[in-house]
Amino acid sequence: MTALAESFDGDTSPAHSTELEIVSTVLRMASAARVRLAEALDAQGLSWARYEVLESVCRRGPTSYSTLSRELVRHRTSITATTASLVDVGLLVRSVNPRNRQQYLVEATDSGHRAVTRAERALERARSRMAVDADSVQTLEVLRGIEKQWNGRH
């Protein structure tokens, strides 16, 4: 059982209610943020998964599937399918690794680099529309403190 789950186990105190309210609010905020960011990427013709792979390849240069899988914490099958879709639309190219002929590398095309630049601008616009007030730094500190407390309960 996780520390968070243990902290809720059978507790009906007011503090317990507050903890659940915090969790609920954070999850709703994360969901709303995820939707806004996904909409921004969708307008660029990218899903979040495709953006992550493309951005990683643009940043790293020629990259193996196993490296992408480790870096993005995705199953190799997902990486293979996502990169194939990016190759199909001309944002990535796939080639045999000259140092290991049993391995493929993917590399961003010029179109892929331009797509990442457009996506990053769209994400920045979406982020700026999620602007928060001057108390944001303090709120973030409080949330990080709560996270440390909960993670320290196991």
Foldseek 3Di string as FASTA:
>chain_A
DALLVVVLPPDPDPVSVVSVVVVVVVVVVVVVLQVLLQVLLVVLVDGPLLLLLLVVQAVPPWDWLVVSCVVVVHDSVSSVVSVVVCVVVQQKDKDQDPVHNVTIIIHGDPVSVVSNVSSVVSNVVSVVVVDDDPCVVVVVVVVVVVVVVSNPRD
